[in-house]
């Protein structure tokens, strides 16, 4: 009988562990783990981008509604001023509201372009 010391036992245990990792499912498991992480990151980025686009569409629709309302009010007061000769100062306010609605849309568009250039 030969004497077995602690270093030989530790060496055998390490050899068994390394062989099971290299020869078994360890490498395949690691590869699957990293591939899965990569796919999850790509999906998270895509979901965040879709969410941003959806939010931008909602804001843009709101600004378009405000612009359309401002256009209607402006046309109404132009009609009143031309046909009836009266506008009670509302024409100037309607024009300012129209310009403000246009400015908001342009600012929003610039924000979207800057966001896309940053990506």
PDB file of N, CA and C in Angstrom:
ATOM      1  N   UNK A   1       0.807  -1.157   0.000  1.00  0.00           N
ATOM      2  CA  UNK A   1       0.000   0.000   0.000  1.00  0.00           C
ATOM      3  C   UNK A   1       0.873   1.252   0.000  1.00  0.00           C
ATOM      4  N   UNK A   2       0.477   2.177  -0.844  1.00  0.00           N
ATOM      5  CA  UNK A   2       1.257   3.405  -0.906  1.00  0.00           C
ATOM      6  C   UNK A   2       0.552   4.486  -0.107  1.00  0.00           C
ATOM      7  N   UNK A   3       1.304   5.383   0.379  1.00  0.00           N
ATOM      8  CA  UNK A   3       0.746   6.482   1.173  1.00  0.00           C
ATOM      9  C   UNK A   3       0.265   7.576   0.227  1.00  0.00           C
ATOM     10  N   UNK A   4      -0.913   8.123   0.498  1.00  0.00           N
ATOM     11  CA  UNK A   4      -1.500   9.191  -0.315  1.00  0.00           C
ATOM     12  C   UNK A   4      -1.481  10.464   0.531  1.00  0.00           C
ATOM     13  N   UNK A   5      -0.870  11.480  -0.031  1.00  0.00           N
ATOM     14  CA  UNK A   5      -0.852  12.731   0.738  1.00  0.00           C
ATOM     15  C   UNK A   5      -1.957  13.676   0.256  1.00  0.00           C
ATOM     16  N   UNK A   6      -2.157  14.800   0.950  1.00  0.00           N
ATOM     17  CA  UNK A   6      -3.231  15.749   0.652  1.00  0.00           C
ATOM     18  C   UNK A   6      -3.085  16.420  -0.698  1.00  0.00           C
ATOM     19  N   UNK A   7      -1.850  16.636  -1.154  1.00  0.00           N
ATOM     20  CA  UNK A   7      -1.628  17.289  -2.436  1.00  0.00           C
ATOM     21  C   UNK A   7      -2.106  16.407  -3.572  1.00  0.00           C
ATOM     22  N   UNK A   8      -1.883  15.128  -3.483  1.00  0.00           N
ATOM     23  CA  UNK A   8      -2.325  14.200  -4.546  1.00  0.00           C
ATOM     24  C   UNK A   8      -3.847  14.133  -4.601  1.00  0.00           C
ATOM     25  N   UNK A   9      -4.487  14.131  -3.440  1.00  0.00           N
ATOM     26  CA  UNK A   9      -5.951  14.076  -3.400  1.00  0.00           C
ATOM     27  C   UNK A   9      -6.532  15.364  -4.015  1.00  0.00           C
ATOM     28  N   UNK A  10      -5.977  16.496  -3.628  1.00  0.00           N
ATOM     29  CA  UNK A  10      -6.432  17.773  -4.173  1.00  0.00           C
ATOM     30  C   UNK A  10      -6.222  17.812  -5.684  1.00  0.00           C
ATOM     31  N   UNK A  11      -5.085  17.314  -6.151  1.00  0.00           N
ATOM     32  CA  UNK A  11      -4.795  17.267  -7.585  1.00  0.00           C
ATOM     33  C   UNK A  11      -5.800  16.405  -8.323  1.00  0.00           C
ATOM     34  N   UNK A  12      -6.149  15.251  -7.735  1.00  0.00           N
ATOM     35  CA  UNK A  12      -7.135  14.363  -8.372  1.00  0.00           C
ATOM     36  C   UNK A  12      -8.520  15.013  -8.430  1.00  0.00           C
ATOM     37  N   UNK A  13      -8.887  15.683  -7.357  1.00  0.00           N
ATOM     38  CA  UNK A  13     -10.190  16.354  -7.327  1.00  0.00           C
ATOM     39  C   UNK A  13     -10.238  17.458  -8.395  1.00  0.00           C
ATOM     40  N   UNK A  14      -9.177  18.253  -8.477  1.00  0.00           N
ATOM     41  CA  UNK A  14      -9.115  19.317  -9.483  1.00  0.00           C
ATOM     42  C   UNK A  14      -9.154  18.727 -10.896  1.00  0.00           C
ATOM     43  N   UNK A  15      -8.453  17.616 -11.092  1.00  0.00           N
ATOM     44  CA  UNK A  15      -8.445  16.971 -12.412  1.00  0.00           C
ATOM     45  C   UNK A  15      -9.856  16.519 -12.782  1.00  0.00           C
ATOM     46  N   UNK A  16     -10.583  15.979 -11.837  1.00  0.00           N
ATOM     47  CA  UNK A  16     -11.958  15.528 -12.092  1.00  0.00           C
ATOM     48  C   UNK A  16     -12.860  16.730 -12.419  1.00  0.00           C
ATOM     49  N   UNK A  17     -12.718  17.802 -11.651  1.00  0.00           N
ATOM     50  CA  UNK A  17     -13.540  18.986 -11.898  1.00  0.00           C
ATOM     51  C   UNK A  17     -13.267  19.600 -13.271  1.00  0.00           C
ATOM     52  N   UNK A  18     -11.995  19.773 -13.603  1.00  0.00           N
ATOM     53  CA  UNK A  18     -11.637  20.371 -14.893  1.00  0.00           C
ATOM     54  C   UNK A  18     -12.084  19.479 -16.033  1.00  0.00           C
ATOM     55  N   UNK A  19     -11.911  18.174 -15.898  1.00  0.00           N
ATOM     56  CA  UNK A  19     -12.330  17.267 -16.974  1.00  0.00           C
ATOM     57  C   UNK A  19     -13.838  17.291 -17.161  1.00  0.00           C
ATOM     58  N   UNK A  20     -14.573  17.390 -16.060  1.00  0.00           N
ATOM     59  CA  UNK A  20     -16.030  17.418 -16.198  1.00  0.00           C
ATOM     60  C   UNK A  20     -16.491  18.730 -16.842  1.00  0.00           C
ATOM     61  N   UNK A  21     -15.807  19.832 -16.524  1.00  0.00           N
ATOM     62  CA  UNK A  21     -16.171  21.104 -17.150  1.00  0.00           C
ATOM     63  C   UNK A  21     -15.813  21.130 -18.620  1.00  0.00           C
ATOM     64  N   UNK A  22     -14.617  20.710 -18.954  1.00  0.00           N
ATOM     65  CA  UNK A  22     -14.152  20.769 -20.332  1.00  0.00           C
ATOM     66  C   UNK A  22     -14.845  19.724 -21.185  1.00  0.00           C
ATOM     67  N   UNK A  23     -14.935  18.535 -20.713  1.00  0.00           N
ATOM     68  CA  UNK A  23     -15.484  17.449 -21.518  1.00  0.00           C
ATOM     69  C   UNK A  23     -16.985  17.339 -21.436  1.00  0.00           C
ATOM     70  N   UNK A  24     -17.583  17.882 -20.402  1.00  0.00           N
ATOM     71  CA  UNK A  24     -19.019  17.732 -20.214  1.00  0.00           C
ATOM     72  C   UNK A  24     -19.795  18.927 -20.725  1.00  0.00           C
ATOM     73  N   UNK A  25     -20.879  19.193 -20.040  1.00  0.00           N
ATOM     74  CA  UNK A  25     -21.795  20.251 -20.460  1.00  0.00           C
ATOM     75  C   UNK A  25     -21.368  21.623 -19.945  1.00  0.00           C
ATOM     76  N   UNK A  26     -20.277  21.709 -19.249  1.00  0.00           N
ATOM     77  CA  UNK A  26     -19.844  22.984 -18.673  1.00  0.00           C
ATOM     78  C   UNK A  26     -19.581  24.046 -19.714  1.00  0.00           C
ATOM     79  N   UNK A  27     -18.824  23.737 -20.749  1.00  0.00           N
ATOM     80  CA  UNK A  27     -18.504  24.696 -21.809  1.00  0.00           C
ATOM     81  C   UNK A  27     -19.768  25.058 -22.578  1.00  0.00           C
ATOM     82  N   UNK A  28     -20.563  24.056 -22.910  1.00  0.00           N
ATOM     83  CA  UNK A  28     -21.807  24.321 -23.644  1.00  0.00           C
ATOM     84  C   UNK A  28     -22.742  25.177 -22.796  1.00  0.00           C
ATOM     85  N   UNK A  29     -22.792  24.906 -21.493  1.00  0.00           N
ATOM     86  CA  UNK A  29     -23.633  25.695 -20.597  1.00  0.00           C
ATOM     87  C   UNK A  29     -23.178  27.141 -20.534  1.00  0.00           C
ATOM     88  N   UNK A  30     -21.865  27.355 -20.467  1.00  0.00           N
ATOM     89  CA  UNK A  30     -21.332  28.715 -20.459  1.00  0.00           C
ATOM     90  C   UNK A  30     -21.641  29.431 -21.771  1.00  0.00           C
ATOM     91  N   UNK A  31     -21.478  28.727 -22.874  1.00  0.00           N
ATOM     92  CA  UNK A  31     -21.759  29.332 -24.182  1.00  0.00           C
ATOM     93  C   UNK A  31     -23.229  29.723 -24.278  1.00  0.00           C
ATOM     94  N   UNK A  32     -24.120  28.839 -23.845  1.00  0.00           N
ATOM     95  CA  UNK A  32     -25.552  29.128 -23.886  1.00  0.00           C
ATOM     96  C   UNK A  32     -25.873  30.316 -22.982  1.00  0.00           C
ATOM     97  N   UNK A  33     -25.233  30.379 -21.827  1.00  0.00           N
ATOM     98  CA  UNK A  33     -25.458  31.488 -20.906  1.00  0.00           C
ATOM     99  C   UNK A  33     -25.082  32.820 -21.553  1.00  0.00           C
ATOM    100  N   UNK A  34     -23.914  32.894 -22.176  1.00  0.00           N
ATOM    101  CA  UNK A  34     -23.474  34.144 -22.793  1.00  0.00           C
ATOM    102  C   UNK A  34     -24.315  34.522 -24.010  1.00  0.00           C
ATOM    103  N   UNK A  35     -24.716  33.535 -24.786  1.00  0.00           N
ATOM    104  CA  UNK A  35     -25.585  33.811 -25.936  1.00  0.00           C
ATOM    105  C   UNK A  35     -26.935  34.333 -25.455  1.00  0.00           C
ATOM    106  N   UNK A  36     -27.475  33.700 -24.402  1.00  0.00           N
ATOM    107  CA  UNK A  36     -28.757  34.137 -23.854  1.00  0.00           C
ATOM    108  C   UNK A  36     -28.670  35.562 -23.320  1.00  0.00           C
ATOM    109  N   UNK A  37     -27.579  35.885 -22.626  1.00  0.00           N
ATOM    110  CA  UNK A  37     -27.393  37.249 -22.119  1.00  0.00           C
ATOM    111  C   UNK A  37     -27.342  38.262 -23.254  1.00  0.00           C
ATOM    112  N   UNK A  38     -26.652  37.918 -24.326  1.00  0.00           N
ATOM    113  CA  UNK A  38     -26.538  38.817 -25.487  1.00  0.00           C
ATOM    114  C   UNK A  38     -27.913  39.063 -26.114  1.00  0.00           C
ATOM    115  N   UNK A  39     -28.682  37.999 -26.276  1.00  0.00           N
ATOM    116  CA  UNK A  39     -30.017  38.118 -26.864  1.00  0.00           C
ATOM    117  C   UNK A  39     -30.922  38.963 -25.965  1.00  0.00           C
ATOM    118  N   UNK A  40     -30.861  38.756 -24.651  1.00  0.00           N
ATOM    119  CA  UNK A  40     -31.680  39.531 -23.725  1.00  0.00           C
ATOM    120  C   UNK A  40     -31.332  41.014 -23.784  1.00  0.00           C
ATOM    121  N   UNK A  41     -30.046  41.336 -23.886  1.00  0.00           N
ATOM    122  CA  UNK A  41     -29.632  42.735 -23.992  1.00  0.00           C
ATOM    123  C   UNK A  41     -30.163  43.359 -25.280  1.00  0.00           C
ATOM    124  N   UNK A  42     -30.096  42.620 -26.379  1.00  0.00           N
ATOM    125  CA  UNK A  42     -30.605  43.135 -27.650  1.00  0.00           C
ATOM    126  C   UNK A  42     -32.113  43.379 -27.558  1.00  0.00           C
ATOM    127  N   UNK A  43     -32.840  42.455 -26.939  1.00  0.00           N
ATOM    128  CA  UNK A  43     -34.287  42.616 -26.794  1.00  0.00           C
ATOM    129  C   UNK A  43     -34.625  43.793 -25.888  1.00  0.00           C
ATOM    130  N   UNK A  44     -33.868  43.981 -24.821  1.00  0.00           N
ATOM    131  CA  UNK A  44     -34.099  45.121 -23.933  1.00  0.00           C
ATOM    132  C   UNK A  44     -33.884  46.437 -24.657  1.00  0.00           C
ATOM    133  N   UNK A  45     -32.818  46.502 -25.470  1.00  0.00           N
ATOM    134  CA  UNK A  45     -32.569  47.726 -26.247  1.00  0.00           C
ATOM    135  C   UNK A  45     -33.699  47.998 -27.223  1.00  0.00           C
ATOM    136  N   UNK A  46     -34.155  46.959 -27.905  1.00  0.00           N
ATOM    137  CA  UNK A  46     -35.242  47.121 -28.873  1.00  0.00           C
ATOM    138  C   UNK A  46     -36.534  47.564 -28.182  1.00  0.00           C
ATOM    139  N   UNK A  47     -36.832  46.989 -27.018  1.00  0.00           N
ATOM    140  CA  UNK A  47     -38.034  47.383 -26.286  1.00  0.00           C
ATOM    141  C   UNK A  47     -37.943  48.834 -25.833  1.00  0.00           C
ATOM    142  N   UNK A  48     -36.768  49.260 -25.374  1.00  0.00           N
ATOM    143  CA  UNK A  48     -36.591  50.654 -24.953  1.00  0.00           C
ATOM    144  C   UNK A  48     -36.768  51.596 -26.143  1.00  0.00           C
ATOM    145  N   UNK A  49     -36.237  51.206 -27.294  1.00  0.00           N
ATOM    146  CA  UNK A  49     -36.379  52.028 -28.494  1.00  0.00           C
ATOM    147  C   UNK A  49     -37.837  52.110 -28.933  1.00  0.00           C
ATOM    148  N   UNK A  50     -38.540  50.986 -28.901  1.00  0.00           N
ATOM    149  CA  UNK A  50     -39.962  50.981 -29.257  1.00  0.00           C
ATOM    150  C   UNK A  50     -40.769  51.848 -28.298  1.00  0.00           C
ATOM    151  N   UNK A  51     -40.427  51.789 -27.032  1.00  0.00           N
ATOM    152  CA  UNK A  51     -41.115  52.609 -26.037  1.00  0.00           C
ATOM    153  C   UNK A  51     -40.882  54.091 -26.299  1.00  0.00           C
ATOM    154  N   UNK A  52     -39.645  54.460 -26.629  1.00  0.00           N
ATOM    155  CA  UNK A  52     -39.343  55.862 -26.948  1.00  0.00           C
ATOM    156  C   UNK A  52     -40.105  56.325 -28.170  1.00  0.00           C
ATOM    157  N   UNK A  53     -40.158  55.488 -29.192  1.00  0.00           N
ATOM    158  CA  UNK A  53     -40.882  55.850 -30.414  1.00  0.00           C
ATOM    159  C   UNK A  53     -42.373  56.030 -30.137  1.00  0.00           C
ATOM    160  N   UNK A  54     -42.930  55.117 -29.343  1.00  0.00           N
ATOM    161  CA  UNK A  54     -44.352  55.195 -29.012  1.00  0.00           C
ATOM    162  C   UNK A  54     -44.633  56.490 -28.236  1.00  0.00           C
ATOM    163  N   UNK A  55     -43.768  56.816 -27.297  1.00  0.00           N
ATOM    164  CA  UNK A  55     -43.922  58.050 -26.525  1.00  0.00           C
ATOM    165  C   UNK A  55     -43.810  59.284 -27.427  1.00  0.00           C
ATOM    166  N   UNK A  56     -42.866  59.259 -28.363  1.00  0.00           N
ATOM    167  CA  UNK A  56     -42.716  60.381 -29.300  1.00  0.00           C
ATOM    168  C   UNK A  56     -43.948  60.538 -30.181  1.00  0.00           C
ATOM    169  N   UNK A  57     -44.543  59.417 -30.607  1.00  0.00           N
ATOM    170  CA  UNK A  57     -45.756  59.500 -31.429  1.00  0.00           C
ATOM    171  C   UNK A  57     -46.918  60.109 -30.644  1.00  0.00           C
ATOM    172  N   UNK A  58     -47.030  59.760 -29.375  1.00  0.00           N
ATOM    173  CA  UNK A  58     -48.106  60.301 -28.539  1.00  0.00           C
ATOM    174  C   UNK A  58     -47.927  61.805 -28.364  1.00  0.00           C
ATOM    175  N   UNK A  59     -46.704  62.237 -28.072  1.00  0.00           N
ATOM    176  CA  UNK A  59     -46.432  63.663 -27.895  1.00  0.00           C
ATOM    177  C   UNK A  59     -46.687  64.401 -29.202  1.00  0.00           C
ATOM    178  N   UNK A  60     -46.232  63.825 -30.303  1.00  0.00           N
ATOM    179  CA  UNK A  60     -46.423  64.469 -31.611  1.00  0.00           C
ATOM    180  C   UNK A  60     -47.910  64.604 -31.945  1.00  0.00           C
ATOM    181  N   UNK A  61     -48.693  63.583 -31.647  1.00  0.00           N
ATOM    182  CA  UNK A  61     -50.138  63.650 -31.901  1.00  0.00           C
ATOM    183  C   UNK A  61     -50.779  64.764 -31.074  1.00  0.00           C
ATOM    184  N   UNK A  62     -50.340  64.907 -29.840  1.00  0.00           N
ATOM    185  CA  UNK A  62     -50.858  65.974 -28.986  1.00  0.00           C
ATOM    186  C   UNK A  62     -50.512  67.345 -29.556  1.00  0.00           C
ATOM    187  N   UNK A  63     -49.267  67.507 -30.009  1.00  0.00           N
ATOM    188  CA  UNK A  63     -48.854  68.779 -30.605  1.00  0.00           C
ATOM    189  C   UNK A  63     -49.609  69.051 -31.901  1.00  0.00           C
ATOM    190  N   UNK A  64     -49.848  68.025 -32.691  1.00  0.00           N
ATOM    191  CA  UNK A  64     -50.612  68.202 -33.936  1.00  0.00           C
ATOM    192  C   UNK A  64     -52.046  68.632 -33.642  1.00  0.00           C
ATOM    193  N   UNK A  65     -52.648  68.064 -32.597  1.00  0.00           N
ATOM    194  CA  UNK A  65     -54.001  68.473 -32.214  1.00  0.00           C
ATOM    195  C   UNK A  65     -54.027  69.946 -31.808  1.00  0.00           C
ATOM    196  N   UNK A  66     -53.027  70.355 -31.016  1.00  0.00           N
ATOM    197  CA  UNK A  66     -52.954  71.754 -30.583  1.00  0.00           C
ATOM    198  C   UNK A  66     -52.760  72.679 -31.785  1.00  0.00           C
ATOM    199  N   UNK A  67     -51.933  72.260 -32.738  1.00  0.00           N
ATOM    200  CA  UNK A  67     -51.711  73.069 -33.941  1.00  0.00           C
ATOM    201  C   UNK A  67     -52.991  73.184 -34.761  1.00  0.00           C
ATOM    202  N   UNK A  68     -53.695  72.084 -34.914  1.00  0.00           N
ATOM    203  CA  UNK A  68     -54.936  72.105 -35.688  1.00  0.00           C
ATOM    204  C   UNK A  68     -55.970  73.014 -35.013  1.00  0.00           C
ATOM    205  N   UNK A  69     -56.049  72.963 -33.702  1.00  0.00           N
ATOM    206  CA  UNK A  69     -56.973  73.841 -32.977  1.00  0.00           C
ATOM    207  C   UNK A  69     -56.571  75.302 -33.167  1.00  0.00           C
ATOM    208  N   UNK A  70     -55.277  75.582 -33.062  1.00  0.00           N
ATOM    209  CA  UNK A  70     -54.791  76.961 -33.238  1.00  0.00           C
ATOM    210  C   UNK A  70     -55.072  77.459 -34.657  1.00  0.00           C
ATOM    211  N   UNK A  71     -54.920  76.588 -35.638  1.00  0.00           N
ATOM    212  CA  UNK A  71     -55.223  76.966 -37.024  1.00  0.00           C
ATOM    213  C   UNK A  71     -56.702  77.303 -37.181  1.00  0.00           C
ATOM    214  N   UNK A  72     -57.556  76.494 -36.578  1.00  0.00           N
ATOM    215  CA  UNK A  72     -58.995  76.748 -36.652  1.00  0.00           C
ATOM    216  C   UNK A  72     -59.383  78.072 -36.022  1.00  0.00           C
ATOM    217  N   UNK A  73     -58.809  78.345 -34.837  1.00  0.00           N
ATOM    218  CA  UNK A  73     -59.096  79.615 -34.177  1.00  0.00           C
ATOM    219  C   UNK A  73     -58.580  80.790 -35.000  1.00  0.00           C
ATOM    220  N   UNK A  74     -57.403  80.637 -35.579  1.00  0.00           N
ATOM    221  CA  UNK A  74     -56.830  81.711 -36.389  1.00  0.00           C
ATOM    222  C   UNK A  74     -57.705  81.985 -37.610  1.00  0.00           C
ATOM    223  N   UNK A  75     -58.137  80.925 -38.276  1.00  0.00           N
ATOM    224  CA  UNK A  75     -59.004  81.115 -39.444  1.00  0.00           C
ATOM    225  C   UNK A  75     -60.339  81.756 -39.052  1.00  0.00           C
ATOM    226  N   UNK A  76     -60.868  81.348 -37.905  1.00  0.00           N
ATOM    227  CA  UNK A  76     -62.122  81.930 -37.439  1.00  0.00           C
ATOM    228  C   UNK A  76     -61.981  83.432 -37.236  1.00  0.00           C
ATOM    229  N   UNK A  77     -60.913  83.849 -36.554  1.00  0.00           N
ATOM    230  CA  UNK A  77     -60.743  85.268 -36.282  1.00  0.00           C
ATOM    231  C   UNK A  77     -60.338  86.042 -37.534  1.00  0.00           C
ATOM    232  N   UNK A  78     -59.660  85.395 -38.473  1.00  0.00           N
ATOM    233  CA  UNK A  78     -59.401  86.053 -39.760  1.00  0.00           C
ATOM    234  C   UNK A  78     -60.707  86.303 -40.493  1.00  0.00           C
ATOM    235  N   UNK A  79     -61.572  85.319 -40.478  1.00  0.00           N
ATOM    236  CA  UNK A  79     -62.887  85.470 -41.105  1.00  0.00           C
ATOM    237  C   UNK A  79     -63.653  86.618 -40.444  1.00  0.00           C
ATOM    238  N   UNK A  80     -63.663  86.643 -39.120  1.00  0.00           N
ATOM    239  CA  UNK A  80     -64.363  87.711 -38.405  1.00  0.00           C
ATOM    240  C   UNK A  80     -63.797  89.082 -38.775  1.00  0.00           C
ATOM    241  N   UNK A  81     -62.467  89.166 -38.872  1.00  0.00           N
ATOM    242  CA  UNK A  81     -61.837  90.458 -39.180  1.00  0.00           C
ATOM    243  C   UNK A  81     -62.123  90.891 -40.603  1.00  0.00           C
ATOM    244  N   UNK A  82     -62.109  89.941 -41.546  1.00  0.00           N
ATOM    245  CA  UNK A  82     -62.295  90.294 -42.958  1.00  0.00           C
ATOM    246  C   UNK A  82     -63.766  90.553 -43.264  1.00  0.00           C
ATOM    247  N   UNK A  83     -64.630  89.631 -42.883  1.00  0.00           N
ATOM    248  CA  UNK A  83     -66.035  89.730 -43.256  1.00  0.00           C
ATOM    249  C   UNK A  83     -66.793  90.730 -42.384  1.00  0.00           C
ATOM    250  N   UNK A  84     -66.592  90.657 -41.086  1.00  0.00           N
ATOM    251  CA  UNK A  84     -67.380  91.496 -40.179  1.00  0.00           C
ATOM    252  C   UNK A  84     -66.615  92.719 -39.706  1.00  0.00           C
ATOM    253  N   UNK A  85     -65.336  92.745 -39.942  1.00  0.00           N
ATOM    254  CA  UNK A  85     -64.535  93.900 -39.551  1.00  0.00           C
ATOM    255  C   UNK A  85     -64.289  94.008 -38.061  1.00  0.00           C
ATOM    256  N   UNK A  86     -64.455  92.929 -37.324  1.00  0.00           N
ATOM    257  CA  UNK A  86     -64.232  92.956 -35.880  1.00  0.00           C
ATOM    258  C   UNK A  86     -63.474  91.707 -35.428  1.00  0.00           C
ATOM    259  N   UNK A  87     -62.615  91.894 -34.435  1.00  0.00           N
ATOM    260  CA  UNK A  87     -61.908  90.731 -33.904  1.00  0.00           C
ATOM    261  C   UNK A  87     -61.573  90.875 -32.428  1.00  0.00           C
ATOM    262  N   UNK A  88     -61.814  92.031 -31.840  1.00  0.00           N
ATOM    263  CA  UNK A  88     -61.656  92.262 -30.401  1.00  0.00           C
ATOM    264  C   UNK A  88     -60.275  91.865 -29.873  1.00  0.00           C
ATOM    265  N   UNK A  89     -59.253  91.968 -30.659  1.00  0.00           N
ATOM    266  CA  UNK A  89     -57.906  91.625 -30.207  1.00  0.00           C
ATOM    267  C   UNK A  89     -57.634  90.132 -30.185  1.00  0.00           C
ATOM    268  N   UNK A  90     -58.634  89.335 -30.494  1.00  0.00           N
ATOM    269  CA  UNK A  90     -58.482  87.880 -30.477  1.00  0.00           C
ATOM    270  C   UNK A  90     -57.636  87.382 -31.647  1.00  0.00           C
ATOM    271  N   UNK A  91     -57.591  88.132 -32.724  1.00  0.00           N
ATOM    272  CA  UNK A  91     -56.811  87.725 -33.887  1.00  0.00           C
ATOM    273  C   UNK A  91     -55.334  87.649 -33.535  1.00  0.00           C
ATOM    274  N   UNK A  92     -54.842  88.633 -32.814  1.00  0.00           N
ATOM    275  CA  UNK A  92     -53.427  88.629 -32.419  1.00  0.00           C
ATOM    276  C   UNK A  92     -53.118  87.458 -31.504  1.00  0.00           C
ATOM    277  N   UNK A  93     -54.025  87.196 -30.546  1.00  0.00           N
ATOM    278  CA  UNK A  93     -53.822  86.077 -29.624  1.00  0.00           C
ATOM    279  C   UNK A  93     -53.868  84.742 -30.375  1.00  0.00           C
ATOM    280  N   UNK A  94     -54.781  84.634 -31.324  1.00  0.00           N
ATOM    281  CA  UNK A  94     -54.876  83.397 -32.104  1.00  0.00           C
ATOM    282  C   UNK A  94     -53.605  83.173 -32.923  1.00  0.00           C
ATOM    283  N   UNK A  95     -53.058  84.249 -33.471  1.00  0.00           N
ATOM    284  CA  UNK A  95     -51.814  84.127 -34.241  1.00  0.00           C
ATOM    285  C   UNK A  95     -50.651  83.724 -33.339  1.00  0.00           C
ATOM    286  N   UNK A  96     -50.580  84.291 -32.139  1.00  0.00           N
ATOM    287  CA  UNK A  96     -49.522  83.915 -31.187  1.00  0.00           C
ATOM    288  C   UNK A  96     -49.651  82.445 -30.774  1.00  0.00           C
ATOM    289  N   UNK A  97     -50.887  82.000 -30.544  1.00  0.00           N
ATOM    290  CA  UNK A  97     -51.112  80.592 -30.196  1.00  0.00           C
ATOM    291  C   UNK A  97     -50.684  79.671 -31.339  1.00  0.00           C
ATOM    292  N   UNK A  98     -50.981  80.089 -32.554  1.00  0.00           N
ATOM    293  CA  UNK A  98     -50.575  79.313 -33.727  1.00  0.00           C
ATOM    294  C   UNK A  98     -49.053  79.209 -33.817  1.00  0.00           C
ATOM    295  N   UNK A  99     -48.368  80.335 -33.619  1.00  0.00           N
ATOM    296  CA  UNK A  99     -46.901  80.319 -33.676  1.00  0.00           C
ATOM    297  C   UNK A  99     -46.311  79.456 -32.557  1.00  0.00           C
ATOM    298  N   UNK A 100     -46.918  79.501 -31.381  1.00  0.00           N
ATOM    299  CA  UNK A 100     -46.437  78.692 -30.258  1.00  0.00           C
ATOM    300  C   UNK A 100     -46.604  77.198 -30.546  1.00  0.00           C
ATOM    301  N   UNK A 101     -47.733  76.823 -31.136  1.00  0.00           N
ATOM    302  CA  UNK A 101     -47.968  75.416 -31.478  1.00  0.00           C
ATOM    303  C   UNK A 101     -46.957  74.948 -32.520  1.00  0.00           C
ATOM    304  N   UNK A 102     -46.671  75.784 -33.513  1.00  0.00           N
ATOM    305  CA  UNK A 102     -45.660  75.431 -34.515  1.00  0.00           C
ATOM    306  C   UNK A 102     -44.279  75.298 -33.884  1.00  0.00           C
ATOM    307  N   UNK A 103     -43.955  76.188 -32.948  1.00  0.00           N
ATOM    308  CA  UNK A 103     -42.652  76.148 -32.284  1.00  0.00           C
ATOM    309  C   UNK A 103     -42.480  74.850 -31.492  1.00  0.00           C
ATOM    310  N   UNK A 104     -43.545  74.427 -30.803  1.00  0.00           N
ATOM    311  CA  UNK A 104     -43.476  73.186 -30.023  1.00  0.00           C
ATOM    312  C   UNK A 104     -43.211  71.988 -30.932  1.00  0.00           C
ATOM    313  N   UNK A 105     -43.872  71.946 -32.083  1.00  0.00           N
ATOM    314  CA  UNK A 105     -43.661  70.835 -33.016  1.00  0.00           C
ATOM    315  C   UNK A 105     -42.223  70.840 -33.530  1.00  0.00           C
ATOM    316  N   UNK A 106     -41.720  72.005 -33.893  1.00  0.00           N
ATOM    317  CA  UNK A 106     -40.340  72.092 -34.396  1.00  0.00           C
ATOM    318  C   UNK A 106     -39.341  71.694 -33.320  1.00  0.00           C
ATOM    319  N   UNK A 107     -39.562  72.138 -32.083  1.00  0.00           N
ATOM    320  CA  UNK A 107     -38.668  71.765 -30.988  1.00  0.00           C
ATOM    321  C   UNK A 107     -38.689  70.260 -30.754  1.00  0.00           C
ATOM    322  N   UNK A 108     -39.881  69.681 -30.815  1.00  0.00           N
ATOM    323  CA  UNK A 108     -40.012  68.229 -30.636  1.00  0.00           C
ATOM    324  C   UNK A 108     -39.280  67.479 -31.755  1.00  0.00           C
ATOM    325  N   UNK A 109     -39.431  67.949 -32.978  1.00  0.00           N
ATOM    326  CA  UNK A 109     -38.736  67.314 -34.106  1.00  0.00           C
ATOM    327  C   UNK A 109     -37.223  67.409 -33.939  1.00  0.00           C
ATOM    328  N   UNK A 110     -36.742  68.562 -33.486  1.00  0.00           N
ATOM    329  CA  UNK A 110     -35.296  68.723 -33.247  1.00  0.00           C
ATOM    330  C   UNK A 110     -34.819  67.761 -32.162  1.00  0.00           C
ATOM    331  N   UNK A 111     -35.631  67.597 -31.132  1.00  0.00           N
ATOM    332  CA  UNK A 111     -35.289  66.678 -30.040  1.00  0.00           C
ATOM    333  C   UNK A 111     -35.166  65.243 -30.568  1.00  0.00           C
ATOM    334  N   UNK A 112     -36.099  64.848 -31.413  1.00  0.00           N
ATOM    335  CA  UNK A 112     -36.064  63.491 -31.973  1.00  0.00           C
ATOM    336  C   UNK A 112     -34.830  63.302 -32.849  1.00  0.00           C
ATOM    337  N   UNK A 113     -34.522  64.291 -33.680  1.00  0.00           N
ATOM    338  CA  UNK A 113     -33.330  64.200 -34.550  1.00  0.00           C
ATOM    339  C   UNK A 113     -32.066  64.113 -33.708  1.00  0.00           C
ATOM    340  N   UNK A 114     -31.984  64.918 -32.651  1.00  0.00           N
ATOM    341  CA  UNK A 114     -30.807  64.878 -31.775  1.00  0.00           C
ATOM    342  C   UNK A 114     -30.698  63.518 -31.075  1.00  0.00           C
ATOM    343  N   UNK A 115     -31.820  62.956 -30.694  1.00  0.00           N
ATOM    344  CA  UNK A 115     -31.844  61.634 -30.059  1.00  0.00           C
ATOM    345  C   UNK A 115     -31.325  60.574 -31.028  1.00  0.00           C
ATOM    346  N   UNK A 116     -31.773  60.633 -32.272  1.00  0.00           N
ATOM    347  CA  UNK A 116     -31.357  59.647 -33.272  1.00  0.00           C
ATOM    348  C   UNK A 116     -29.889  59.792 -33.630  1.00  0.00           C
ATOM    349  N   UNK A 117     -29.397  61.021 -33.659  1.00  0.00           N
ATOM    350  CA  UNK A 117     -27.980  61.223 -33.970  1.00  0.00           C
ATOM    351  C   UNK A 117     -27.097  60.739 -32.835  1.00  0.00           C
ATOM    352  N   UNK A 118     -27.630  60.763 -31.614  1.00  0.00           N
ATOM    353  CA  UNK A 118     -26.879  60.294 -30.461  1.00  0.00           C
ATOM    354  C   UNK A 118     -26.752  58.783 -30.412  1.00  0.00           C
ATOM    355  N   UNK A 119     -27.691  58.085 -31.047  1.00  0.00           N
ATOM    356  CA  UNK A 119     -27.679  56.606 -31.032  1.00  0.00           C
ATOM    357  C   UNK A 119     -26.644  56.095 -31.922  1.00  0.00           C
TER     358      UNK A 119
END
